[in-house]
Amino acid sequence: MNQYKMKPFVGKPIIEVTVPGSKSITNRALLLAALSEGKSVLKGVLFSDDSRVFMEALKTLGYEIDVNEKEAKVTIVGHGTQIPKQTADVYVGSAGTAARFLTAMLALSGGHYHVTSSKQMQARPMRPLLEALEFLGAKFQFLEDEYCFPFEILGREESSEKKKVSLNIDASSQFLSALLLNGVFSKTGFDVVLTGKRDAKAYVKISMKMMEEFGVSMRQKSENEYEILPSGHYTAREYQIEPDVSAACYFYAMAAINGGVAKAAHVHFDSSQGDVKFLRVLEKMGCTVTDEPDGICLRGPEDGILHGVDVVMSDFSDQTMTLAATAVFAKGDTTIHGVAHIRRQESNRMQAIVNELTRLGISCEETEDGLIIHPKTPKCSDENPVVIQTYEDHRMAMAFAVIGTKVPGIRINDPYCCRKTFENYFEWLTKLNLELK
């Protein structure tokens, strides 16, 4: 399917959804299970392009993996810090987590590997992580552009002394998570000192929490300094993966702009995922949000009016596109700060948002670290439809589909790019439309 024809909801929708497992937690759990000693059982696993690439990479490295998609369960036999194959050709696809976590794993292990990625991932930032790994003794040979995929990993010489590595995470906090999660390979331990300006660490906290859940402790010395203790050992276990709050946010936004009600099963405010903060933004815009036993319930504004907001989104920047789509229907401007780094993700998300809102006749200004959205009724109809370009970016496809639940004439180009994280998203939308009718 090259395009998906959106159909506005009929009346005020009552949306009840069960979203897949968190991509961020799934890929961390896959890594930790592989680095544990013995058999781990992961439940609630997300099956998507990104997680499948991660699992295939582990299989390529010799790990025994049993997959049960019907039950959303994966069993992995871990080998501690002894990767079964010390030489292999490894493909990391377009997944930032797979690319960064597996690169750190392979580089710190001391093996020899040929690592390739998709064209999209070749253009995404890797230099800060690769330079940190070089400082820790890893050797690379870059086959095309320096500090980009593809490259060869040519072993590692670990210093007998504990090192202190500087790391800039302005482009991605995954650089820090990659070092922390794979610190068990170090016999001496090492410190990581953060440089740069970005202080968004919600996903780093997920990494630290999961490390502890798999039996490895580390120490945060200060706001910007982390200590990896020497010779840690992960313990195999059964692990339940949280639902993906990022995926749930699209449905909450649909309820907000349509004056309806939405509930995502088992999504709660005690989630470790930073995107749960997006629900507080919707609350600030006029929605009512309550955490109920079976999931967070959001009700659109009683008076039907959403209000523009001024918000820093550095800790939940994946929802920038969702807020931009929601802000179209607000009363008053919406200003977003703290998201400069989204220019270098799956797409230049800042420019993509401006492009597609402009295509809909909506004024949107790009600032140094964010956006200003001036709301207006989108210029589209069944007679004069607008085709939204998605830039091979799953979040652009899913977020701009939100607009199409309110107004006619929205077409989503390349809708199945959402397979990266939520492969049946548009099937859910079709199902919701049928139920509402």
Protein backbone atom coordinates (compact mmCIF):
# COMPACT_ATOMS: atom_id res chain seq x y z
CA MET A 1 0.00 0.00 0.00
CA ASN A 2 1.57 3.30 -1.11
CA GLN A 3 -0.97 5.57 0.59
CA TYR A 4 -3.46 5.28 3.43
CA LYS A 5 -6.67 7.29 3.05
CA MET A 6 -7.57 8.71 6.45
CA LYS A 7 -11.22 8.91 7.46
CA PRO A 8 -12.32 11.34 10.19
CA PHE A 9 -13.91 9.79 13.26
CA VAL A 10 -17.69 9.98 13.50
CA GLY A 11 -18.70 11.90 16.63
CA LYS A 12 -16.69 11.82 19.84
CA PRO A 13 -14.64 8.62 19.83
CA ILE A 14 -14.23 6.20 22.71
CA ILE A 15 -10.88 4.59 22.05
CA GLU A 16 -9.62 1.51 23.86
CA VAL A 17 -6.32 0.12 22.59
CA THR A 18 -3.65 -2.37 23.53
CA VAL A 19 -0.35 -1.10 22.22
CA PRO A 20 2.71 -3.30 21.59
CA GLY A 21 5.68 -3.50 23.94
CA SER A 22 8.12 -0.64 24.22
CA LYS A 23 10.80 -0.58 21.53
CA SER A 24 13.30 1.03 23.88
CA ILE A 25 12.76 -1.55 26.60
CA THR A 26 12.54 -4.49 24.16
CA ASN A 27 15.94 -3.78 22.61
CA ARG A 28 17.57 -3.16 25.98
CA ALA A 29 16.10 -6.42 27.29
CA LEU A 30 17.40 -8.33 24.24
CA LEU A 31 20.91 -7.00 24.87
CA LEU A 32 20.84 -7.66 28.62
CA ALA A 33 19.49 -11.19 28.12
CA ALA A 34 22.32 -11.93 25.68
CA LEU A 35 24.91 -10.60 28.16
CA SER A 36 23.45 -12.61 31.06
CA GLU A 37 24.56 -16.09 32.08
CA GLY A 38 21.82 -18.60 31.24
CA LYS A 39 18.29 -18.56 29.88
CA SER A 40 16.13 -15.41 30.03
CA VAL A 41 12.45 -15.26 29.08
CA LEU A 42 11.23 -11.88 27.81
CA LYS A 43 7.47 -11.26 27.81
CA GLY A 44 5.48 -8.50 26.11
CA VAL A 45 8.16 -8.19 23.41
CA LEU A 46 7.65 -5.73 20.56
CA PHE A 47 7.89 -7.35 17.15
CA SER A 48 8.81 -4.69 14.61
CA ASP A 49 11.49 -4.00 12.02
CA ASP A 50 13.84 -2.65 14.70
CA SER A 51 13.47 -5.50 17.16
CA ARG A 52 13.67 -8.14 14.41
CA VAL A 53 16.95 -6.62 13.19
CA PHE A 54 18.27 -6.78 16.76
CA MET A 55 17.24 -10.43 17.13
CA GLU A 56 18.72 -11.37 13.75
CA ALA A 57 21.99 -9.70 14.73
CA LEU A 58 22.12 -11.75 17.93
CA LYS A 59 21.41 -14.94 15.96
CA THR A 60 24.24 -14.01 13.56
CA LEU A 61 26.51 -13.77 16.60
CA GLY A 62 25.59 -17.33 17.58
CA TYR A 63 22.97 -16.78 20.28
CA GLU A 64 20.22 -19.36 20.73
CA ILE A 65 16.91 -17.50 20.46
CA ASP A 66 13.39 -18.95 20.53
CA VAL A 67 10.68 -16.59 19.25
CA ASN A 68 6.94 -16.89 19.94
CA GLU A 69 5.27 -13.91 18.26
CA LYS A 70 1.76 -15.07 19.11
CA GLU A 71 2.55 -14.86 22.84
CA ALA A 72 4.94 -11.88 22.40
CA LYS A 73 7.65 -13.95 24.06
CA VAL A 74 11.36 -14.42 23.35
CA THR A 75 13.72 -16.85 25.09
CA ILE A 76 17.47 -16.16 24.88
CA VAL A 77 20.36 -18.23 26.16
CA GLY A 78 22.97 -15.72 27.27
CA HIS A 79 26.75 -16.24 27.43
CA GLY A 80 27.83 -13.44 29.75
CA THR A 81 30.64 -11.42 28.20
CA GLN A 82 31.70 -14.28 25.91
CA ILE A 83 30.00 -13.61 22.55
CA PRO A 84 29.55 -17.03 20.88
CA LYS A 85 31.12 -15.90 17.58
CA GLN A 86 34.23 -13.74 17.79
CA THR A 87 34.04 -12.90 14.08
CA ALA A 88 30.87 -12.17 12.11
CA ASP A 89 29.16 -9.88 9.59
CA VAL A 90 26.52 -7.95 11.54
CA TYR A 91 23.72 -5.82 10.08
CA VAL A 92 22.10 -3.23 12.38
CA GLY A 93 19.46 -1.80 10.01
CA SER A 94 17.92 1.60 10.78
CA ALA A 95 17.49 1.14 14.52
CA GLY A 96 19.45 3.61 16.64
CA THR A 97 19.28 1.28 19.63
CA ALA A 98 20.54 -1.72 17.65
CA ALA A 99 23.24 0.32 15.91
CA ARG A 100 24.60 1.92 19.06
CA PHE A 101 24.08 -0.86 21.61
CA LEU A 102 25.45 -3.61 19.36
CA THR A 103 28.40 -1.49 18.22
CA ALA A 104 29.42 -0.91 21.85
CA MET A 105 28.89 -4.60 22.65
CA LEU A 106 31.05 -5.79 19.75
CA ALA A 107 33.76 -3.15 20.20
CA LEU A 108 34.20 -3.75 23.93
CA SER A 109 34.17 -7.55 23.51
CA GLY A 110 37.52 -7.63 21.73
CA GLY A 111 36.28 -9.57 18.71
CA HIS A 112 36.57 -8.82 14.99
CA TYR A 113 33.36 -7.81 13.20
CA HIS A 114 32.17 -6.28 9.93
CA VAL A 115 29.25 -3.99 10.79
CA THR A 116 26.83 -2.54 8.21
CA SER A 117 23.60 -0.56 8.39
CA SER A 118 20.85 0.91 6.24
CA LYS A 119 21.54 4.10 4.26
CA GLN A 120 19.34 5.96 6.72
CA MET A 121 21.48 4.86 9.69
CA GLN A 122 24.68 5.74 7.79
CA ALA A 123 23.57 9.38 7.94
CA ARG A 124 22.80 9.37 11.67
CA PRO A 125 25.32 10.43 14.35
CA MET A 126 27.81 7.84 15.64
CA ARG A 127 31.06 9.77 16.10
CA PRO A 128 30.79 10.57 19.86
CA LEU A 129 30.18 6.90 20.70
CA LEU A 130 32.87 5.58 18.36
CA GLU A 131 35.45 8.05 19.70
CA ALA A 132 34.58 6.99 23.26
CA LEU A 133 35.02 3.34 22.31
CA GLU A 134 38.39 4.14 20.72
CA PHE A 135 39.44 5.85 23.96
CA LEU A 136 38.50 2.62 25.77
CA GLY A 137 40.82 0.61 23.48
CA ALA A 138 38.59 -0.47 20.58
CA LYS A 139 40.02 -0.38 17.06
CA PHE A 140 38.00 0.55 13.96
CA GLN A 141 38.58 0.68 10.25
CA PHE A 142 36.04 2.91 8.51
CA LEU A 143 35.10 1.65 5.06
CA GLU A 144 33.43 4.80 3.71
CA ASP A 145 32.99 8.03 5.71
CA GLU A 146 34.90 8.39 8.97
CA TYR A 147 32.94 7.52 12.10
CA CYS A 148 29.97 6.24 10.09
CA PHE A 149 28.74 2.84 9.02
CA PRO A 150 30.02 0.59 7.50
CA PHE A 151 33.15 -0.27 9.47
CA GLU A 152 35.34 -3.09 10.72
CA ILE A 153 35.89 -3.66 14.43
CA LEU A 154 39.45 -4.95 14.83
CA GLY A 155 39.67 -6.05 18.45
CA ARG A 156 40.41 -4.11 21.61
CA GLU A 157 43.33 -3.47 23.92
CA GLU A 158 42.02 -2.64 27.40
CA SER A 159 44.21 -0.49 29.60
CA SER A 160 45.26 -1.92 32.95
CA GLU A 161 44.26 1.41 34.49
CA LYS A 162 40.73 2.72 34.98
CA LYS A 163 39.88 5.38 32.41
CA LYS A 164 37.68 8.46 32.40
CA VAL A 165 35.99 8.99 29.04
CA SER A 166 34.36 12.23 27.88
CA LEU A 167 31.09 11.87 25.97
CA ASN A 168 28.80 14.36 24.24
CA ILE A 169 25.16 13.19 24.11
CA ASP A 170 23.69 16.26 22.43
CA ALA A 171 22.85 14.13 19.37
CA SER A 172 21.60 11.08 21.28
CA SER A 173 21.46 9.80 24.85
CA GLN A 174 21.80 6.31 23.32
CA PHE A 175 25.58 6.91 23.27
CA LEU A 176 25.61 6.95 27.08
CA SER A 177 23.19 4.03 27.40
CA ALA A 178 25.38 1.98 25.04
CA LEU A 179 28.44 2.46 27.27
CA LEU A 180 26.56 1.84 30.52
CA LEU A 181 24.76 -1.31 29.34
CA ASN A 182 27.99 -2.80 27.95
CA GLY A 183 30.23 -1.77 30.83
CA VAL A 184 30.31 -5.39 32.02
CA PHE A 185 33.01 -6.07 29.41
CA SER A 186 35.46 -3.88 31.34
CA LYS A 187 37.80 -5.56 33.82
CA THR A 188 38.88 -2.23 35.31
CA GLY A 189 35.66 -0.29 35.08
CA PHE A 190 35.58 3.25 33.72
CA ASP A 191 33.99 6.65 34.32
CA VAL A 192 31.90 8.57 31.80
CA VAL A 193 31.87 12.37 32.02
CA LEU A 194 29.22 14.13 29.95
CA THR A 195 30.02 17.22 27.93
CA GLY A 196 27.70 19.31 25.75
CA LYS A 197 24.40 20.94 26.62
CA ARG A 198 21.73 18.25 26.50
CA ASP A 199 20.39 17.15 29.88
CA ALA A 200 17.61 14.81 28.67
CA LYS A 201 18.26 11.47 30.35
CA ALA A 202 14.87 9.73 30.59
CA TYR A 203 16.11 6.85 28.43
CA VAL A 204 19.39 6.68 30.36
CA LYS A 205 17.34 6.16 33.52
CA ILE A 206 15.57 3.26 31.78
CA SER A 207 18.98 1.74 31.03
CA MET A 208 20.18 2.13 34.61
CA LYS A 209 16.96 0.69 36.03
CA MET A 210 17.12 -2.34 33.73
CA MET A 211 20.79 -2.94 34.53
CA GLU A 212 19.86 -3.19 38.20
CA GLU A 213 16.92 -5.48 37.38
CA PHE A 214 19.38 -7.81 35.62
CA GLY A 215 21.75 -7.68 38.60
CA VAL A 216 24.41 -5.08 37.79
CA SER A 217 24.94 -1.93 39.82
CA MET A 218 26.68 1.24 38.74
CA ARG A 219 27.14 4.60 40.38
CA GLN A 220 26.10 8.06 39.26
CA LYS A 221 28.70 10.29 40.89
CA SER A 222 27.06 13.55 39.90
CA GLU A 223 24.60 14.95 37.38
CA ASN A 224 27.08 14.43 34.56
CA GLU A 225 29.43 11.69 35.76
CA TYR A 226 28.81 7.94 35.81
CA GLU A 227 30.99 5.17 37.21
CA ILE A 228 31.03 1.69 35.66
CA LEU A 229 32.19 -0.83 38.25
CA PRO A 230 34.63 -3.54 37.11
CA SER A 231 33.64 -7.07 36.09
CA GLY A 232 29.89 -6.92 36.56
CA HIS A 233 27.73 -9.96 35.75
CA TYR A 234 24.15 -9.87 34.49
CA THR A 235 21.79 -12.57 35.79
CA ALA A 236 19.34 -14.34 33.49
CA ARG A 237 15.70 -13.85 34.47
CA GLU A 238 12.10 -13.65 33.36
CA TYR A 239 11.31 -10.06 32.36
CA GLN A 240 8.03 -8.30 31.55
CA ILE A 241 8.32 -5.47 29.01
CA GLU A 242 6.10 -2.40 29.46
CA PRO A 243 3.61 -1.32 26.78
CA ASP A 244 5.01 1.34 24.44
CA VAL A 245 3.90 4.71 25.79
CA SER A 246 5.12 6.37 22.57
CA ALA A 247 2.59 4.31 20.59
CA ALA A 248 -0.19 5.06 23.06
CA CYS A 249 0.34 8.81 22.73
CA TYR A 250 -1.06 8.91 19.19
CA PHE A 251 -4.39 7.54 20.39
CA TYR A 252 -4.50 9.94 23.34
CA ALA A 253 -3.91 12.82 20.89
CA MET A 254 -6.78 11.58 18.71
CA ALA A 255 -9.13 11.70 21.69
CA ALA A 256 -7.87 15.16 22.64
CA ILE A 257 -8.54 16.80 19.26
CA ASN A 258 -11.88 15.03 18.77
CA GLY A 259 -13.27 15.65 22.26
CA GLY A 260 -13.37 11.92 22.93
CA VAL A 261 -12.04 9.43 25.45
CA ALA A 262 -8.98 7.18 25.14
CA LYS A 263 -7.46 4.48 27.27
CA ALA A 264 -4.36 2.40 26.53
CA ALA A 265 -4.29 -0.84 28.48
CA HIS A 266 -1.63 -1.12 31.18
CA VAL A 267 -0.12 2.33 30.50
CA HIS A 268 0.42 4.10 33.83
CA PHE A 269 2.20 7.19 35.14
CA ASP A 270 4.75 5.05 37.00
CA SER A 271 6.12 3.99 33.60
CA SER A 272 9.87 4.37 33.21
CA GLN A 273 9.32 5.83 29.71
CA GLY A 274 9.74 9.59 29.33
CA ASP A 275 6.93 9.90 26.77
CA VAL A 276 4.35 9.55 29.53
CA LYS A 277 5.05 13.25 30.13
CA PHE A 278 3.19 13.99 26.89
CA LEU A 279 -0.07 13.20 28.71
CA ARG A 280 0.66 16.01 31.15
CA VAL A 281 1.04 18.35 28.18
CA LEU A 282 -2.40 17.28 26.91
CA GLU A 283 -3.71 17.90 30.41
CA LYS A 284 -2.22 21.41 30.31
CA MET A 285 -3.98 21.94 26.97
CA GLY A 286 -7.34 21.25 28.61
CA CYS A 287 -7.81 17.48 28.75
CA THR A 288 -8.66 15.49 31.87
CA VAL A 289 -6.25 12.67 32.64
CA THR A 290 -6.73 9.96 35.30
CA ASP A 291 -4.62 6.92 36.07
CA GLU A 292 -7.08 4.05 36.49
CA PRO A 293 -6.34 0.42 37.45
CA ASP A 294 -6.43 -0.82 33.84
CA GLY A 295 -4.62 2.16 32.27
CA ILE A 296 -4.50 5.95 31.94
CA CYS A 297 -7.79 7.42 30.73
CA LEU A 298 -7.81 10.76 28.86
CA ARG A 299 -10.94 12.81 28.17
CA GLY A 300 -10.93 15.70 25.74
CA PRO A 301 -11.78 19.20 27.01
CA GLU A 302 -15.38 19.56 28.22
CA ASP A 303 -15.77 22.79 26.28
CA GLY A 304 -14.08 21.27 23.23
CA ILE A 305 -11.28 23.85 23.28
CA LEU A 306 -7.63 22.89 23.42
CA HIS A 307 -5.17 25.62 24.41
CA GLY A 308 -1.73 26.27 22.96
CA VAL A 309 1.21 25.54 25.24
CA ASP A 310 4.83 26.52 25.71
CA VAL A 311 6.78 23.36 26.56
CA VAL A 312 10.31 21.94 26.78
CA MET A 313 10.25 18.47 25.20
CA SER A 314 13.91 17.42 25.49
CA ASP A 315 13.00 14.42 27.65
CA PHE A 316 10.17 13.19 25.41
CA SER A 317 11.15 14.53 22.01
CA ASP A 318 9.67 11.56 20.11
CA GLN A 319 6.31 13.22 20.72
CA THR A 320 7.30 16.49 19.00
CA MET A 321 5.43 15.44 15.86
CA THR A 322 2.40 14.34 17.89
CA LEU A 323 2.20 17.67 19.69
CA ALA A 324 2.63 19.52 16.38
CA ALA A 325 -0.35 17.60 14.97
CA THR A 326 -2.41 18.28 18.10
CA ALA A 327 -1.46 21.98 18.18
CA VAL A 328 -3.09 22.49 14.77
CA PHE A 329 -6.49 22.40 16.55
CA ALA A 330 -5.56 24.47 19.61
CA LYS A 331 -6.58 28.00 20.49
CA GLY A 332 -3.38 30.02 20.52
CA ASP A 333 0.18 29.26 19.44
CA THR A 334 2.18 26.28 20.65
CA THR A 335 5.92 26.70 21.22
CA ILE A 336 8.22 23.68 21.53
CA HIS A 337 11.76 23.91 22.95
CA GLY A 338 14.66 21.53 23.55
CA VAL A 339 14.42 19.37 20.45
CA ALA A 340 17.30 20.54 18.23
CA HIS A 341 18.63 16.97 18.10
CA ILE A 342 15.57 15.68 16.18
CA ARG A 343 17.08 17.20 13.03
CA ARG A 344 19.36 14.14 12.91
CA GLN A 345 17.06 11.24 13.63
CA GLU A 346 15.24 9.00 11.13
CA SER A 347 14.64 12.20 9.18
CA ASN A 348 15.23 15.88 9.76
CA ARG A 349 12.07 15.87 11.85
CA MET A 350 12.07 19.62 12.42
CA GLN A 351 12.08 20.36 8.70
CA ALA A 352 9.62 17.53 8.01
CA ILE A 353 7.09 19.00 10.44
CA VAL A 354 7.42 22.46 8.87
CA ASN A 355 7.09 21.00 5.38
CA GLU A 356 3.95 19.00 6.09
CA LEU A 357 2.17 21.65 8.16
CA THR A 358 2.92 24.15 5.38
CA ARG A 359 1.47 21.67 2.90
CA LEU A 360 -1.73 21.84 4.97
CA GLY A 361 -1.75 25.64 4.92
CA ILE A 362 -0.59 25.97 8.53
CA SER A 363 2.14 28.42 9.52
CA CYS A 364 5.01 26.87 11.48
CA GLU A 365 8.32 28.51 12.38
CA GLU A 366 11.53 26.60 12.99
CA THR A 367 13.68 28.01 15.82
CA GLU A 368 17.18 27.09 16.95
CA ASP A 369 15.92 24.35 19.26
CA GLY A 370 12.26 23.93 18.41
CA LEU A 371 9.11 25.11 16.67
CA ILE A 372 6.30 27.65 16.90
CA ILE A 373 2.99 26.43 15.50
CA HIS A 374 0.25 28.92 14.60
CA PRO A 375 -3.02 26.93 14.55
CA LYS A 376 -5.41 27.06 11.63
CA THR A 377 -7.97 24.78 10.00
CA PRO A 378 -6.03 22.51 7.61
CA LYS A 379 -6.60 23.19 3.91
CA CYS A 380 -7.68 19.76 2.75
CA SER A 381 -10.89 17.98 1.79
CA ASP A 382 -12.06 14.85 0.04
CA GLU A 383 -12.28 16.91 -3.16
CA ASN A 384 -8.82 18.42 -2.63
CA PRO A 385 -6.83 15.89 -0.60
CA VAL A 386 -3.33 16.47 0.72
CA VAL A 387 -0.74 13.70 0.61
CA ILE A 388 1.47 13.79 3.70
CA GLN A 389 5.08 12.83 3.00
CA THR A 390 6.60 10.63 5.69
CA TYR A 391 10.35 10.68 4.84
CA GLU A 392 10.75 6.96 5.71
CA ASP A 393 10.06 8.06 9.29
CA HIS A 394 7.58 6.01 11.30
CA ARG A 395 6.78 8.82 13.71
CA MET A 396 5.92 11.26 10.92
CA ALA A 397 3.44 8.73 9.51
CA MET A 398 1.78 7.98 12.83
CA ALA A 399 1.67 11.56 14.14
CA PHE A 400 0.25 13.19 11.00
CA ALA A 401 -2.40 10.47 10.78
CA VAL A 402 -3.77 12.04 13.99
CA ILE A 403 -4.84 15.12 11.96
CA GLY A 404 -6.76 12.86 9.57
CA THR A 405 -9.01 11.61 12.39
CA LYS A 406 -10.43 15.14 12.66
CA VAL A 407 -10.53 16.55 9.10
CA PRO A 408 -11.16 14.92 5.70
CA GLY A 409 -8.71 14.81 2.84
CA ILE A 410 -5.57 13.48 4.54
CA ARG A 411 -3.56 10.81 2.73
CA ILE A 412 -0.49 9.25 4.37
CA ASN A 413 2.26 8.34 1.93
CA ASP A 414 4.28 5.17 2.64
CA PRO A 415 2.21 4.30 5.73
CA TYR A 416 4.01 1.04 6.36
CA CYS A 417 7.21 2.81 7.35
CA CYS A 418 5.60 2.53 10.80
CA ARG A 419 6.63 -1.14 10.80
CA LYS A 420 9.82 0.12 12.40
CA THR A 421 8.02 0.28 15.77
CA PHE A 422 4.24 -0.35 15.39
CA GLU A 423 3.54 -2.53 12.40
CA ASN A 424 -0.26 -2.74 12.76
CA TYR A 425 -0.87 0.94 13.57
CA PHE A 426 -2.96 1.61 10.48
CA GLU A 427 -4.88 -1.63 11.02
CA TRP A 428 -5.85 -0.22 14.42
CA LEU A 429 -7.05 2.99 12.76
CA THR A 430 -9.18 1.02 10.28
CA LYS A 431 -10.61 -1.03 13.15
CA LEU A 432 -11.41 2.09 15.19
CA ASN A 433 -13.22 3.71 12.26
CA LEU A 434 -15.35 0.61 11.73
CA GLU A 435 -16.22 0.40 15.43
CA LEU A 436 -17.12 4.10 15.64
CA LYS A 437 -19.45 3.80 12.64
